[in-house]
Amino acid sequence: MAVVKGDTSQAFLERNYPYRNFYPANDINVLASFLDITERKHMEEELRRNIEELERFNELAIGREIKMIQLKEEIKELLCQLNQDKRYKVVK
């Protein structure tokens, strides 16, 4: 649950109902506790951003490696056309 604090910043609370007594319908007893999980929410958001950044880097790195393999294969083909020795061992 999100709440707005007095300084207009947002805090996150986790609600827990450890005790409920609903006897009879006119006499309702409820004990609730709240735990401030604002720090946890901020850490989760930071972790989410870090994961997204790592995923973008991973896509770029893999894309670069695929391009390097393609270029090495192209060089190998061109060297074959020129009857020259192969320079690169292409590993897939």
Foldseek 3Di string as FASTA:
>chain_A
DWDQDPVRDIWDKDKDWPDWDCPDVVDTDTDMDIDTCRVVVVVVVVVVVVVVVVVVVVVVVVVVVVVVLVVLVVVQVVCVVVVHDRDDDRDD
